[in-house]
Amino acid sequence: MGLLRTIAILVIIYYAFKFFSRYIAPIFLKKVISKAEKKFREQQNMHNENETTGNVGETVIAKKAPSTKESNKSVGDYVDYEEIND
């Protein structure tokens, strides 16, 4: 009796997965993809709006702030390697 019950459960799980993958999953994936597409379009519109705020033909050069970080000269030692020929 336990073997038949196990086989029945496996068959039910198989057909439930088959039903889900054929009918439910495409609907779910379509919604997920449409949300991602909407978010992408909103980001593109924001990016395009930021670019078009300047005058036509005007060149704007954004300069990078100078770095205040200095390299630490006391870190590590210089090692002079010599090539050894046999």
PDB file of N, CA and C in Angstrom:
ATOM      1  N   MET A   1       0.820  -1.192   0.000  1.00  0.00           N
ATOM      2  CA  MET A   1       0.000   0.000   0.000  1.00  0.00           C
ATOM      3  C   MET A   1       0.866   1.258   0.000  1.00  0.00           C
ATOM      4  N   GLY A   2       1.992   1.196   0.719  1.00  0.00           N
ATOM      5  CA  GLY A   2       2.880   2.353   0.785  1.00  0.00           C
ATOM      6  C   GLY A   2       3.531   2.648  -0.557  1.00  0.00           C
ATOM      7  N   LEU A   3       3.829   1.575  -1.322  1.00  0.00           N
ATOM      8  CA  LEU A   3       4.447   1.751  -2.633  1.00  0.00           C
ATOM      9  C   LEU A   3       3.487   2.435  -3.593  1.00  0.00           C
ATOM     10  N   LEU A   4       2.222   2.017  -3.578  1.00  0.00           N
ATOM     11  CA  LEU A   4       1.226   2.639  -4.455  1.00  0.00           C
ATOM     12  C   LEU A   4       1.016   4.106  -4.096  1.00  0.00           C
ATOM     13  N   ARG A   5       1.009   4.386  -2.807  1.00  0.00           N
ATOM     14  CA  ARG A   5       0.822   5.769  -2.352  1.00  0.00           C
ATOM     15  C   ARG A   5       1.999   6.638  -2.819  1.00  0.00           C
ATOM     16  N   THR A   6       3.220   6.114  -2.707  1.00  0.00           N
ATOM     17  CA  THR A   6       4.408   6.849  -3.134  1.00  0.00           C
ATOM     18  C   THR A   6       4.384   7.104  -4.637  1.00  0.00           C
ATOM     19  N   ILE A   7       4.014   6.084  -5.404  1.00  0.00           N
ATOM     20  CA  ILE A   7       3.930   6.239  -6.859  1.00  0.00           C
ATOM     21  C   ILE A   7       2.855   7.258  -7.222  1.00  0.00           C
ATOM     22  N   ALA A   8       1.715   7.212  -6.543  1.00  0.00           N
ATOM     23  CA  ALA A   8       0.642   8.171  -6.809  1.00  0.00           C
ATOM     24  C   ALA A   8       1.092   9.596  -6.503  1.00  0.00           C
ATOM     25  N   ILE A   9       1.806   9.778  -5.402  1.00  0.00           N
ATOM     26  CA  ILE A   9       2.295  11.114  -5.040  1.00  0.00           C
ATOM     27  C   ILE A   9       3.292  11.613  -6.088  1.00  0.00           C
ATOM     28  N   LEU A  10       4.190  10.743  -6.542  1.00  0.00           N
ATOM     29  CA  LEU A  10       5.157  11.138  -7.561  1.00  0.00           C
ATOM     30  C   LEU A  10       4.472  11.514  -8.873  1.00  0.00           C
ATOM     31  N   VAL A  11       3.452  10.762  -9.255  1.00  0.00           N
ATOM     32  CA  VAL A  11       2.713  11.069 -10.485  1.00  0.00           C
ATOM     33  C   VAL A  11       1.988  12.405 -10.343  1.00  0.00           C
ATOM     34  N   ILE A  12       1.383  12.641  -9.194  1.00  0.00           N
ATOM     35  CA  ILE A  12       0.680  13.908  -8.963  1.00  0.00           C
ATOM     36  C   ILE A  12       1.670  15.076  -9.000  1.00  0.00           C
ATOM     37  N   ILE A  13       2.821  14.909  -8.374  1.00  0.00           N
ATOM     38  CA  ILE A  13       3.843  15.965  -8.391  1.00  0.00           C
ATOM     39  C   ILE A  13       4.328  16.214  -9.817  1.00  0.00           C
ATOM     40  N   TYR A  14       4.521  15.155 -10.589  1.00  0.00           N
ATOM     41  CA  TYR A  14       4.969  15.290 -11.972  1.00  0.00           C
ATOM     42  C   TYR A  14       3.969  16.095 -12.790  1.00  0.00           C
ATOM     43  N   TYR A  15       2.689  15.735 -12.709  1.00  0.00           N
ATOM     44  CA  TYR A  15       1.682  16.440 -13.499  1.00  0.00           C
ATOM     45  C   TYR A  15       1.445  17.860 -12.987  1.00  0.00           C
ATOM     46  N   ALA A  16       1.592  18.083 -11.688  1.00  0.00           N
ATOM     47  CA  ALA A  16       1.455  19.440 -11.153  1.00  0.00           C
ATOM     48  C   ALA A  16       2.594  20.321 -11.671  1.00  0.00           C
ATOM     49  N   PHE A  17       3.812  19.791 -11.680  1.00  0.00           N
ATOM     50  CA  PHE A  17       4.946  20.544 -12.208  1.00  0.00           C
ATOM     51  C   PHE A  17       4.771  20.811 -13.698  1.00  0.00           C
ATOM     52  N   LYS A  18       4.295  19.824 -14.420  1.00  0.00           N
ATOM     53  CA  LYS A  18       4.070  19.971 -15.855  1.00  0.00           C
ATOM     54  C   LYS A  18       3.017  21.052 -16.122  1.00  0.00           C
ATOM     55  N   PHE A  19       1.929  21.043 -15.349  1.00  0.00           N
ATOM     56  CA  PHE A  19       0.873  22.049 -15.489  1.00  0.00           C
ATOM     57  C   PHE A  19       1.419  23.435 -15.164  1.00  0.00           C
ATOM     58  N   PHE A  20       2.167  23.530 -14.066  1.00  0.00           N
ATOM     59  CA  PHE A  20       2.729  24.820 -13.658  1.00  0.00           C
ATOM     60  C   PHE A  20       3.667  25.375 -14.731  1.00  0.00           C
ATOM     61  N   SER A  21       4.562  24.522 -15.238  1.00  0.00           N
ATOM     62  CA  SER A  21       5.541  25.004 -16.209  1.00  0.00           C
ATOM     63  C   SER A  21       4.906  25.351 -17.552  1.00  0.00           C
ATOM     64  N   ARG A  22       3.797  24.756 -17.870  1.00  0.00           N
ATOM     65  CA  ARG A  22       3.169  25.027 -19.153  1.00  0.00           C
ATOM     66  C   ARG A  22       2.211  26.213 -19.104  1.00  0.00           C
ATOM     67  N   TYR A  23       1.482  26.399 -17.999  1.00  0.00           N
ATOM     68  CA  TYR A  23       0.433  27.416 -17.970  1.00  0.00           C
ATOM     69  C   TYR A  23       0.710  28.568 -17.001  1.00  0.00           C
ATOM     70  N   ILE A  24       1.228  28.290 -15.841  1.00  0.00           N
ATOM     71  CA  ILE A  24       1.393  29.322 -14.817  1.00  0.00           C
ATOM     72  C   ILE A  24       2.718  30.068 -14.980  1.00  0.00           C
ATOM     73  N   ALA A  25       3.805  29.371 -15.231  1.00  0.00           N
ATOM     74  CA  ALA A  25       5.130  29.990 -15.318  1.00  0.00           C
ATOM     75  C   ALA A  25       5.220  31.056 -16.415  1.00  0.00           C
ATOM     76  N   PRO A  26       4.677  30.835 -17.618  1.00  0.00           N
ATOM     77  CA  PRO A  26       4.760  31.897 -18.635  1.00  0.00           C
ATOM     78  C   PRO A  26       4.053  33.186 -18.219  1.00  0.00           C
ATOM     79  N   ILE A  27       2.935  33.062 -17.532  1.00  0.00           N
ATOM     80  CA  ILE A  27       2.224  34.254 -17.059  1.00  0.00           C
ATOM     81  C   ILE A  27       3.070  34.976 -16.018  1.00  0.00           C
ATOM     82  N   PHE A  28       3.628  34.230 -15.095  1.00  0.00           N
ATOM     83  CA  PHE A  28       4.477  34.811 -14.054  1.00  0.00           C
ATOM     84  C   PHE A  28       5.707  35.480 -14.665  1.00  0.00           C
ATOM     85  N   LEU A  29       6.363  34.807 -15.597  1.00  0.00           N
ATOM     86  CA  LEU A  29       7.555  35.368 -16.223  1.00  0.00           C
ATOM     87  C   LEU A  29       7.228  36.607 -17.048  1.00  0.00           C
ATOM     88  N   LYS A  30       6.070  36.615 -17.696  1.00  0.00           N
ATOM     89  CA  LYS A  30       5.672  37.784 -18.472  1.00  0.00           C
ATOM     90  C   LYS A  30       5.515  39.004 -17.570  1.00  0.00           C
ATOM     91  N   LYS A  31       4.939  38.814 -16.382  1.00  0.00           N
ATOM     92  CA  LYS A  31       4.784  39.926 -15.442  1.00  0.00           C
ATOM     93  C   LYS A  31       6.142  40.411 -14.942  1.00  0.00           C
ATOM     94  N   VAL A  32       7.039  39.491 -14.633  1.00  0.00           N
ATOM     95  CA  VAL A  32       8.368  39.866 -14.145  1.00  0.00           C
ATOM     96  C   VAL A  32       9.130  40.634 -15.222  1.00  0.00           C
ATOM     97  N   ILE A  33       9.055  40.173 -16.449  1.00  0.00           N
ATOM     98  CA  ILE A  33       9.763  40.833 -17.542  1.00  0.00           C
ATOM     99  C   ILE A  33       9.174  42.206 -17.822  1.00  0.00           C
ATOM    100  N   SER A  34       7.858  42.341 -17.755  1.00  0.00           N
ATOM    101  CA  SER A  34       7.250  43.650 -17.998  1.00  0.00           C
ATOM    102  C   SER A  34       7.631  44.648 -16.907  1.00  0.00           C
ATOM    103  N   LYS A  35       7.741  44.192 -15.652  1.00  0.00           N
ATOM    104  CA  LYS A  35       8.182  45.084 -14.575  1.00  0.00           C
ATOM    105  C   LYS A  35       9.623  45.529 -14.811  1.00  0.00           C
ATOM    106  N   ALA A  36      10.481  44.611 -15.210  1.00  0.00           N
ATOM    107  CA  ALA A  36      11.881  44.952 -15.469  1.00  0.00           C
ATOM    108  C   ALA A  36      11.985  45.914 -16.651  1.00  0.00           C
ATOM    109  N   GLU A  37      11.172  45.695 -17.672  1.00  0.00           N
ATOM    110  CA  GLU A  37      11.177  46.579 -18.837  1.00  0.00           C
ATOM    111  C   GLU A  37      10.713  47.980 -18.454  1.00  0.00           C
ATOM    112  N   LYS A  38       9.683  48.065 -17.622  1.00  0.00           N
ATOM    113  CA  LYS A  38       9.165  49.359 -17.174  1.00  0.00           C
ATOM    114  C   LYS A  38      10.235  50.105 -16.379  1.00  0.00           C
ATOM    115  N   LYS A  39      10.913  49.400 -15.484  1.00  0.00           N
ATOM    116  CA  LYS A  39      11.976  50.013 -14.683  1.00  0.00           C
ATOM    117  C   LYS A  39      13.113  50.487 -15.582  1.00  0.00           C
ATOM    118  N   PHE A  40      13.471  49.692 -16.575  1.00  0.00           N
ATOM    119  CA  PHE A  40      14.531  50.064 -17.504  1.00  0.00           C
ATOM    120  C   PHE A  40      14.150  51.312 -18.284  1.00  0.00           C
ATOM    121  N   ARG A  41      12.911  51.364 -18.771  1.00  0.00           N
ATOM    122  CA  ARG A  41      12.466  52.537 -19.534  1.00  0.00           C
ATOM    123  C   ARG A  41      12.468  53.791 -18.667  1.00  0.00           C
ATOM    124  N   GLU A  42      12.063  53.674 -17.404  1.00  0.00           N
ATOM    125  CA  GLU A  42      12.079  54.827 -16.506  1.00  0.00           C
ATOM    126  C   GLU A  42      13.505  55.325 -16.295  1.00  0.00           C
ATOM    127  N   GLN A  43      14.439  54.409 -16.124  1.00  0.00           N
ATOM    128  CA  GLN A  43      15.832  54.807 -15.942  1.00  0.00           C
ATOM    129  C   GLN A  43      16.382  55.461 -17.207  1.00  0.00           C
ATOM    130  N   GLN A  44      16.007  54.945 -18.368  1.00  0.00           N
ATOM    131  CA  GLN A  44      16.463  55.536 -19.620  1.00  0.00           C
ATOM    132  C   GLN A  44      15.887  56.937 -19.795  1.00  0.00           C
ATOM    133  N   ASN A  45      14.615  57.126 -19.437  1.00  0.00           N
ATOM    134  CA  ASN A  45      14.005  58.446 -19.554  1.00  0.00           C
ATOM    135  C   ASN A  45      14.694  59.436 -18.628  1.00  0.00           C
ATOM    136  N   MET A  46      15.026  59.023 -17.407  1.00  0.00           N
ATOM    137  CA  MET A  46      15.745  59.905 -16.485  1.00  0.00           C
ATOM    138  C   MET A  46      17.108  60.273 -17.061  1.00  0.00           C
ATOM    139  N   HIS A  47      17.780  59.301 -17.638  1.00  0.00           N
ATOM    140  CA  HIS A  47      19.105  59.543 -18.211  1.00  0.00           C
ATOM    141  C   HIS A  47      19.000  60.500 -19.394  1.00  0.00           C
ATOM    142  N   ASN A  48      18.010  60.306 -20.259  1.00  0.00           N
ATOM    143  CA  ASN A  48      17.835  61.163 -21.424  1.00  0.00           C
ATOM    144  C   ASN A  48      17.445  62.576 -21.017  1.00  0.00           C
ATOM    145  N   GLU A  49      16.639  62.738 -19.976  1.00  0.00           N
ATOM    146  CA  GLU A  49      16.251  64.064 -19.508  1.00  0.00           C
ATOM    147  C   GLU A  49      17.460  64.814 -18.978  1.00  0.00           C
ATOM    148  N   ASN A  50      18.361  64.134 -18.292  1.00  0.00           N
ATOM    149  CA  ASN A  50      19.563  64.776 -17.765  1.00  0.00           C
ATOM    150  C   ASN A  50      20.487  65.239 -18.888  1.00  0.00           C
ATOM    151  N   GLU A  51      20.534  64.518 -19.977  1.00  0.00           N
ATOM    152  CA  GLU A  51      21.397  64.890 -21.089  1.00  0.00           C
ATOM    153  C   GLU A  51      20.859  66.078 -21.856  1.00  0.00           C
ATOM    154  N   THR A  52      19.558  66.216 -21.973  1.00  0.00           N
ATOM    155  CA  THR A  52      18.970  67.255 -22.808  1.00  0.00           C
ATOM    156  C   THR A  52      18.769  68.568 -22.075  1.00  0.00           C
ATOM    157  N   THR A  53      19.230  68.709 -20.847  1.00  0.00           N
ATOM    158  CA  THR A  53      19.029  69.952 -20.110  1.00  0.00           C
ATOM    159  C   THR A  53      19.960  71.053 -20.594  1.00  0.00           C
ATOM    160  N   GLY A  54      21.065  70.749 -21.248  1.00  0.00           N
ATOM    161  CA  GLY A  54      22.005  71.757 -21.732  1.00  0.00           C
ATOM    162  C   GLY A  54      21.539  72.344 -23.052  1.00  0.00           C
ATOM    163  N   ASN A  55      22.158  73.463 -23.448  1.00  0.00           N
ATOM    164  CA  ASN A  55      21.837  74.095 -24.720  1.00  0.00           C
ATOM    165  C   ASN A  55      22.446  73.295 -25.859  1.00  0.00           C
ATOM    166  N   VAL A  56      21.839  73.414 -27.030  1.00  0.00           N
ATOM    167  CA  VAL A  56      22.330  72.695 -28.191  1.00  0.00           C
ATOM    168  C   VAL A  56      23.647  73.319 -28.623  1.00  0.00           C
ATOM    169  N   GLY A  57      24.657  72.511 -28.836  1.00  0.00           N
ATOM    170  CA  GLY A  57      25.954  72.991 -29.266  1.00  0.00           C
ATOM    171  C   GLY A  57      26.870  73.400 -28.126  1.00  0.00           C
ATOM    172  N   GLU A  58      26.389  73.364 -26.910  1.00  0.00           N
ATOM    173  CA  GLU A  58      27.200  73.752 -25.760  1.00  0.00           C
ATOM    174  C   GLU A  58      28.014  72.554 -25.293  1.00  0.00           C
ATOM    175  N   THR A  59      29.280  72.774 -25.044  1.00  0.00           N
ATOM    176  CA  THR A  59      30.155  71.715 -24.563  1.00  0.00           C
ATOM    177  C   THR A  59      30.412  71.922 -23.081  1.00  0.00           C
ATOM    178  N   VAL A  60      30.137  70.905 -22.301  1.00  0.00           N
ATOM    179  CA  VAL A  60      30.346  70.983 -20.862  1.00  0.00           C
ATOM    180  C   VAL A  60      31.393  69.952 -20.486  1.00  0.00           C
ATOM    181  N   ILE A  61      32.425  70.399 -19.788  1.00  0.00           N
ATOM    182  CA  ILE A  61      33.478  69.494 -19.342  1.00  0.00           C
ATOM    183  C   ILE A  61      33.407  69.421 -17.829  1.00  0.00           C
ATOM    184  N   ALA A  62      33.105  68.253 -17.321  1.00  0.00           N
ATOM    185  CA  ALA A  62      33.037  68.053 -15.876  1.00  0.00           C
ATOM    186  C   ALA A  62      34.410  67.597 -15.411  1.00  0.00           C
ATOM    187  N   LYS A  63      35.018  68.387 -14.537  1.00  0.00           N
ATOM    188  CA  LYS A  63      36.355  68.045 -14.059  1.00  0.00           C
ATOM    189  C   LYS A  63      36.258  67.239 -12.780  1.00  0.00           C
ATOM    190  N   LYS A  64      37.166  66.321 -12.654  1.00  0.00           N
ATOM    191  CA  LYS A  64      37.218  65.459 -11.490  1.00  0.00           C
ATOM    192  C   LYS A  64      37.952  66.189 -10.368  1.00  0.00           C
ATOM    193  N   ALA A  65      37.437  66.075  -9.160  1.00  0.00           N
ATOM    194  CA  ALA A  65      38.069  66.725  -8.015  1.00  0.00           C
ATOM    195  C   ALA A  65      39.438  66.103  -7.773  1.00  0.00           C
ATOM    196  N   PRO A  66      40.433  66.927  -7.428  1.00  0.00           N
ATOM    197  CA  PRO A  66      41.768  66.359  -7.190  1.00  0.00           C
ATOM    198  C   PRO A  66      41.760  65.430  -5.985  1.00  0.00           C
ATOM    199  N   SER A  67      42.529  64.395  -6.098  1.00  0.00           N
ATOM    200  CA  SER A  67      42.596  63.402  -5.035  1.00  0.00           C
ATOM    201  C   SER A  67      43.481  63.910  -3.906  1.00  0.00           C
ATOM    202  N   THR A  68      43.000  63.794  -2.685  1.00  0.00           N
ATOM    203  CA  THR A  68      43.787  64.233  -1.533  1.00  0.00           C
ATOM    204  C   THR A  68      44.568  63.078  -0.925  1.00  0.00           C
ATOM    205  N   LYS A  69      44.390  61.901  -1.468  1.00  0.00           N
ATOM    206  CA  LYS A  69      45.062  60.723  -0.940  1.00  0.00           C
ATOM    207  C   LYS A  69      46.501  60.694  -1.445  1.00  0.00           C
ATOM    208  N   GLU A  70      47.436  60.614  -0.537  1.00  0.00           N
ATOM    209  CA  GLU A  70      48.844  60.553  -0.901  1.00  0.00           C
ATOM    210  C   GLU A  70      49.345  59.128  -0.709  1.00  0.00           C
ATOM    211  N   SER A  71      50.269  58.734  -1.561  1.00  0.00           N
ATOM    212  CA  SER A  71      50.824  57.393  -1.408  1.00  0.00           C
ATOM    213  C   SER A  71      51.787  57.382  -0.234  1.00  0.00           C
ATOM    214  N   ASN A  72      51.802  56.302   0.464  1.00  0.00           N
ATOM    215  CA  ASN A  72      52.659  56.147   1.633  1.00  0.00           C
ATOM    216  C   ASN A  72      53.973  55.525   1.176  1.00  0.00           C
ATOM    217  N   LYS A  73      55.054  56.300   1.218  1.00  0.00           N
ATOM    218  CA  LYS A  73      56.348  55.838   0.718  1.00  0.00           C
ATOM    219  C   LYS A  73      57.000  54.808   1.640  1.00  0.00           C
ATOM    220  N   SER A  74      56.575  54.745   2.886  1.00  0.00           N
ATOM    221  CA  SER A  74      57.221  53.839   3.830  1.00  0.00           C
ATOM    222  C   SER A  74      56.665  52.415   3.767  1.00  0.00           C
ATOM    223  N   VAL A  75      55.721  52.191   2.888  1.00  0.00           N
ATOM    224  CA  VAL A  75      55.129  50.860   2.796  1.00  0.00           C
ATOM    225  C   VAL A  75      55.979  50.004   1.867  1.00  0.00           C
ATOM    226  N   GLY A  76      56.426  48.873   2.334  1.00  0.00           N
ATOM    227  CA  GLY A  76      57.154  47.916   1.519  1.00  0.00           C
ATOM    228  C   GLY A  76      58.606  48.304   1.309  1.00  0.00           C
ATOM    229  N   ASP A  77      59.398  47.353   0.883  1.00  0.00           N
ATOM    230  CA  ASP A  77      60.814  47.566   0.614  1.00  0.00           C
ATOM    231  C   ASP A  77      61.084  47.236  -0.837  1.00  0.00           C
ATOM    232  N   TYR A  78      62.045  47.931  -1.400  1.00  0.00           N
ATOM    233  CA  TYR A  78      62.465  47.632  -2.757  1.00  0.00           C
ATOM    234  C   TYR A  78      63.438  46.467  -2.705  1.00  0.00           C
ATOM    235  N   VAL A  79      63.174  45.476  -3.508  1.00  0.00           N
ATOM    236  CA  VAL A  79      64.041  44.298  -3.541  1.00  0.00           C
ATOM    237  C   VAL A  79      64.632  44.202  -4.938  1.00  0.00           C
ATOM    238  N   ASP A  80      65.953  44.211  -5.010  1.00  0.00           N
ATOM    239  CA  ASP A  80      66.647  44.109  -6.281  1.00  0.00           C
ATOM    240  C   ASP A  80      66.900  42.630  -6.565  1.00  0.00           C
ATOM    241  N   TYR A  81      66.283  42.135  -7.617  1.00  0.00           N
ATOM    242  CA  TYR A  81      66.431  40.727  -7.969  1.00  0.00           C
ATOM    243  C   TYR A  81      67.530  40.579  -9.008  1.00  0.00           C
ATOM    244  N   GLU A  82      68.295  39.530  -8.872  1.00  0.00           N
ATOM    245  CA  GLU A  82      69.326  39.221  -9.850  1.00  0.00           C
ATOM    246  C   GLU A  82      68.986  37.897 -10.509  1.00  0.00           C
ATOM    247  N   GLU A  83      69.248  37.847 -11.808  1.00  0.00           N
ATOM    248  CA  GLU A  83      68.980  36.619 -12.535  1.00  0.00           C
ATOM    249  C   GLU A  83      70.151  35.667 -12.341  1.00  0.00           C
ATOM    250  N   ILE A  84      69.862  34.433 -12.020  1.00  0.00           N
ATOM    251  CA  ILE A  84      70.899  33.432 -11.783  1.00  0.00           C
ATOM    252  C   ILE A  84      70.892  32.463 -12.952  1.00  0.00           C
ATOM    253  N   ASN A  85      72.044  32.350 -13.612  1.00  0.00           N
ATOM    254  CA  ASN A  85      72.181  31.415 -14.727  1.00  0.00           C
ATOM    255  C   ASN A  85      72.890  30.163 -14.235  1.00  0.00           C
ATOM    256  N   ASP A  86      72.378  29.021 -14.560  1.00  0.00           N
ATOM    257  CA  ASP A  86      73.008  27.762 -14.146  1.00  0.00           C
ATOM    258  C   ASP A  86      74.070  27.341 -15.116  1.00  0.00           C
TER     259      ASP A  86
END
